[in-house]
């Protein structure tokens, strides 16, 4: 986990994203695509916080967001540009 936090810190410093956005990008750099629910559980955060960060990252062109299957509010996140 320390390596992941270090990687997220480097992403934040290099690209000016916030800490949670940096962590989402670091996790997606490990494996993409991933569901927002999976990321939220891995980081022990509320799903809404991950979705909010995902929306900002999508607007900035870092990731693509697609609805997850079924009636879930979750999104499937795909890294478009390596941080």
N, C-alpha and C. Protein backbone atom coordinates (compact mmCIF):
# COMPACT_ATOMS: atom_id res chain seq x y z
N UNK A 1 0.82 -1.20 0.00
CA UNK A 1 0.00 0.00 0.00
C UNK A 1 0.86 1.26 0.00
N UNK A 2 2.04 1.20 0.64
CA UNK A 2 2.92 2.36 0.66
C UNK A 2 3.37 2.74 -0.75
N UNK A 3 3.64 1.73 -1.59
CA UNK A 3 4.03 2.01 -2.97
C UNK A 3 2.91 2.73 -3.71
N UNK A 4 1.68 2.30 -3.46
CA UNK A 4 0.53 2.92 -4.10
C UNK A 4 0.38 4.37 -3.66
N UNK A 5 0.56 4.63 -2.38
CA UNK A 5 0.47 6.00 -1.87
C UNK A 5 1.59 6.86 -2.44
N UNK A 6 2.79 6.29 -2.55
CA UNK A 6 3.90 7.03 -3.16
C UNK A 6 3.59 7.36 -4.62
N UNK A 7 3.04 6.38 -5.35
CA UNK A 7 2.70 6.62 -6.75
C UNK A 7 1.62 7.70 -6.86
N UNK A 8 0.62 7.64 -6.00
CA UNK A 8 -0.43 8.66 -6.01
C UNK A 8 0.16 10.04 -5.72
N UNK A 9 1.09 10.13 -4.79
CA UNK A 9 1.75 11.40 -4.49
C UNK A 9 2.50 11.95 -5.68
N UNK A 10 3.17 11.08 -6.42
CA UNK A 10 3.88 11.53 -7.63
C UNK A 10 2.89 12.04 -8.69
N UNK A 11 1.77 11.37 -8.82
CA UNK A 11 0.75 11.79 -9.78
C UNK A 11 0.20 13.15 -9.40
N UNK A 12 -0.09 13.34 -8.12
CA UNK A 12 -0.60 14.63 -7.63
C UNK A 12 0.40 15.75 -7.93
N UNK A 13 1.67 15.51 -7.62
CA UNK A 13 2.70 16.53 -7.84
C UNK A 13 2.90 16.83 -9.32
N UNK A 14 2.84 15.82 -10.15
CA UNK A 14 3.12 16.00 -11.58
C UNK A 14 1.95 16.59 -12.35
N UNK A 15 0.72 16.31 -11.92
CA UNK A 15 -0.43 16.65 -12.75
C UNK A 15 -1.43 17.59 -12.09
N UNK A 16 -1.23 17.93 -10.82
CA UNK A 16 -2.10 18.89 -10.16
C UNK A 16 -3.50 18.38 -9.85
N UNK A 17 -3.68 17.07 -9.82
CA UNK A 17 -4.97 16.53 -9.41
C UNK A 17 -5.01 16.47 -7.88
N UNK A 18 -6.20 16.29 -7.31
CA UNK A 18 -6.24 16.20 -5.84
C UNK A 18 -5.82 14.80 -5.39
N UNK A 19 -5.70 14.62 -4.09
CA UNK A 19 -5.15 13.37 -3.55
C UNK A 19 -6.00 12.15 -3.91
N UNK A 20 -7.31 12.26 -3.82
CA UNK A 20 -8.16 11.12 -4.15
C UNK A 20 -8.10 10.81 -5.64
N UNK A 21 -8.08 11.84 -6.47
CA UNK A 21 -7.94 11.62 -7.91
C UNK A 21 -6.62 10.93 -8.22
N UNK A 22 -5.55 11.33 -7.54
CA UNK A 22 -4.26 10.69 -7.73
C UNK A 22 -4.29 9.23 -7.34
N UNK A 23 -4.99 8.91 -6.26
CA UNK A 23 -5.11 7.53 -5.82
C UNK A 23 -5.93 6.70 -6.80
N UNK A 24 -7.02 7.26 -7.31
CA UNK A 24 -7.82 6.56 -8.32
C UNK A 24 -6.98 6.28 -9.56
N UNK A 25 -6.22 7.27 -10.01
CA UNK A 25 -5.36 7.05 -11.18
C UNK A 25 -4.30 5.99 -10.91
N UNK A 26 -3.72 6.00 -9.72
CA UNK A 26 -2.71 5.00 -9.37
C UNK A 26 -3.31 3.60 -9.37
N UNK A 27 -4.51 3.46 -8.83
CA UNK A 27 -5.18 2.15 -8.82
C UNK A 27 -5.53 1.69 -10.23
N UNK A 28 -5.98 2.62 -11.07
CA UNK A 28 -6.30 2.26 -12.45
C UNK A 28 -5.04 1.95 -13.25
N UNK A 29 -3.93 2.55 -12.89
CA UNK A 29 -2.66 2.23 -13.57
C UNK A 29 -2.25 0.79 -13.26
N UNK A 30 -2.63 0.29 -12.08
CA UNK A 30 -2.35 -1.11 -11.73
C UNK A 30 -3.22 -2.07 -12.53
N UNK A 31 -4.50 -1.71 -12.67
CA UNK A 31 -5.44 -2.56 -13.40
C UNK A 31 -6.61 -1.72 -13.88
N UNK A 32 -6.87 -1.79 -15.15
CA UNK A 32 -7.96 -1.04 -15.75
C UNK A 32 -8.64 -1.95 -16.76
N UNK A 33 -9.95 -1.95 -16.84
CA UNK A 33 -10.91 -1.14 -16.10
C UNK A 33 -11.20 -1.72 -14.71
N UNK A 34 -11.80 -0.87 -13.88
CA UNK A 34 -12.26 -1.28 -12.56
C UNK A 34 -13.58 -0.58 -12.26
N UNK A 35 -14.37 -1.21 -11.42
CA UNK A 35 -15.65 -0.64 -11.01
C UNK A 35 -15.43 0.35 -9.86
N UNK A 36 -16.26 1.39 -9.83
CA UNK A 36 -16.14 2.37 -8.76
C UNK A 36 -16.38 1.73 -7.39
N UNK A 37 -17.27 0.76 -7.32
CA UNK A 37 -17.53 0.08 -6.06
C UNK A 37 -16.30 -0.68 -5.56
N UNK A 38 -15.59 -1.32 -6.47
CA UNK A 38 -14.37 -2.03 -6.11
C UNK A 38 -13.32 -1.06 -5.59
N UNK A 39 -13.16 0.06 -6.27
CA UNK A 39 -12.19 1.07 -5.83
C UNK A 39 -12.58 1.63 -4.46
N UNK A 40 -13.87 1.91 -4.27
CA UNK A 40 -14.33 2.46 -2.99
C UNK A 40 -14.04 1.48 -1.85
N UNK A 41 -14.31 0.21 -2.07
CA UNK A 41 -14.02 -0.79 -1.01
C UNK A 41 -12.53 -0.89 -0.75
N UNK A 42 -11.73 -0.87 -1.79
CA UNK A 42 -10.28 -1.00 -1.62
C UNK A 42 -9.72 0.18 -0.82
N UNK A 43 -10.28 1.37 -1.02
CA UNK A 43 -9.79 2.56 -0.32
C UNK A 43 -10.57 2.83 0.96
N UNK A 44 -11.58 2.01 1.26
CA UNK A 44 -12.44 2.19 2.43
C UNK A 44 -13.07 3.58 2.45
N UNK A 45 -13.64 3.96 1.29
CA UNK A 45 -14.28 5.27 1.14
C UNK A 45 -15.72 5.09 0.68
N UNK A 46 -16.49 6.14 0.84
CA UNK A 46 -17.86 6.15 0.32
C UNK A 46 -17.82 6.12 -1.20
N UNK A 47 -18.74 5.36 -1.76
CA UNK A 47 -18.82 5.23 -3.22
C UNK A 47 -19.00 6.59 -3.89
N UNK A 48 -19.77 7.47 -3.28
CA UNK A 48 -20.03 8.79 -3.87
C UNK A 48 -18.74 9.60 -4.04
N UNK A 49 -17.80 9.47 -3.13
CA UNK A 49 -16.53 10.20 -3.25
C UNK A 49 -15.74 9.72 -4.46
N UNK A 50 -15.73 8.42 -4.67
CA UNK A 50 -15.01 7.86 -5.83
C UNK A 50 -15.69 8.29 -7.12
N UNK A 51 -17.02 8.27 -7.14
CA UNK A 51 -17.75 8.70 -8.35
C UNK A 51 -17.48 10.16 -8.66
N UNK A 52 -17.43 11.00 -7.64
CA UNK A 52 -17.16 12.43 -7.84
C UNK A 52 -15.77 12.63 -8.44
N UNK A 53 -14.78 11.93 -7.89
CA UNK A 53 -13.42 12.02 -8.44
C UNK A 53 -13.37 11.49 -9.86
N UNK A 54 -14.09 10.41 -10.11
CA UNK A 54 -14.13 9.83 -11.45
C UNK A 54 -14.72 10.82 -12.45
N UNK A 55 -15.74 11.54 -12.05
CA UNK A 55 -16.35 12.55 -12.94
C UNK A 55 -15.34 13.63 -13.32
N UNK A 56 -14.58 14.10 -12.33
CA UNK A 56 -13.58 15.13 -12.61
C UNK A 56 -12.47 14.58 -13.51
N UNK A 57 -12.06 13.34 -13.26
CA UNK A 57 -11.00 12.74 -14.09
C UNK A 57 -11.49 12.51 -15.52
N UNK A 58 -12.76 12.17 -15.67
CA UNK A 58 -13.32 12.00 -17.01
C UNK A 58 -13.36 13.34 -17.74
N UNK A 59 -13.79 14.39 -17.06
CA UNK A 59 -13.83 15.72 -17.67
C UNK A 59 -12.44 16.16 -18.11
N UNK A 60 -11.42 15.77 -17.36
CA UNK A 60 -10.04 16.14 -17.69
C UNK A 60 -9.42 15.23 -18.75
N UNK A 61 -10.13 14.18 -19.15
CA UNK A 61 -9.64 13.30 -20.21
C UNK A 61 -8.74 12.16 -19.75
N UNK A 62 -8.66 11.94 -18.44
CA UNK A 62 -7.81 10.87 -17.92
C UNK A 62 -8.45 9.49 -18.05
N UNK A 63 -9.77 9.43 -17.84
CA UNK A 63 -10.45 8.14 -17.81
C UNK A 63 -11.75 8.21 -18.61
N UNK A 64 -12.28 7.04 -18.93
CA UNK A 64 -13.62 6.92 -19.50
C UNK A 64 -14.50 6.26 -18.45
N UNK A 65 -15.73 6.73 -18.33
CA UNK A 65 -16.69 6.16 -17.38
C UNK A 65 -17.86 5.57 -18.15
N UNK A 66 -18.20 4.34 -17.83
CA UNK A 66 -19.35 3.68 -18.43
C UNK A 66 -20.20 3.12 -17.30
N UNK A 67 -21.51 3.11 -17.47
CA UNK A 67 -22.36 2.51 -16.43
C UNK A 67 -22.03 1.03 -16.26
N UNK A 68 -22.05 0.57 -15.03
CA UNK A 68 -21.91 -0.86 -14.77
C UNK A 68 -23.19 -1.55 -15.20
N UNK A 69 -23.13 -2.83 -15.35
CA UNK A 69 -24.32 -3.56 -15.78
C UNK A 69 -25.37 -3.59 -14.68
N UNK A 70 -26.59 -3.80 -15.07
CA UNK A 70 -27.67 -3.91 -14.11
C UNK A 70 -28.15 -2.57 -13.60
N UNK A 71 -28.76 -2.60 -12.43
CA UNK A 71 -29.35 -1.40 -11.86
C UNK A 71 -28.42 -0.71 -10.89
N UNK A 72 -27.20 -1.12 -10.87
CA UNK A 72 -26.21 -0.56 -9.95
C UNK A 72 -25.90 0.89 -10.29
N UNK A 73 -25.67 1.73 -9.27
CA UNK A 73 -25.25 3.10 -9.54
C UNK A 73 -23.76 3.18 -9.89
N UNK A 74 -23.09 2.06 -9.85
CA UNK A 74 -21.66 2.02 -10.09
C UNK A 74 -21.28 2.31 -11.53
N UNK A 75 -20.04 2.72 -11.68
CA UNK A 75 -19.48 3.01 -13.00
C UNK A 75 -18.26 2.13 -13.21
N UNK A 76 -17.97 1.86 -14.46
CA UNK A 76 -16.78 1.12 -14.84
C UNK A 76 -15.78 2.16 -15.37
N UNK A 77 -14.61 2.22 -14.76
CA UNK A 77 -13.62 3.24 -15.10
C UNK A 77 -12.48 2.61 -15.90
N UNK A 78 -12.14 3.26 -17.00
CA UNK A 78 -11.05 2.79 -17.85
C UNK A 78 -10.03 3.91 -17.99
N UNK A 79 -8.79 3.61 -17.72
CA UNK A 79 -7.71 4.59 -17.84
C UNK A 79 -7.44 4.85 -19.32
N UNK A 80 -7.47 6.11 -19.74
CA UNK A 80 -7.21 6.48 -21.13
C UNK A 80 -5.78 6.93 -21.34
N UNK A 81 -5.23 7.59 -20.33
CA UNK A 81 -3.89 8.15 -20.43
C UNK A 81 -3.11 7.77 -19.18
N UNK A 82 -1.95 7.19 -19.37
CA UNK A 82 -1.14 6.77 -18.23
C UNK A 82 -0.56 7.99 -17.52
N UNK A 83 -0.75 8.06 -16.19
CA UNK A 83 -0.26 9.23 -15.45
C UNK A 83 1.25 9.28 -15.31
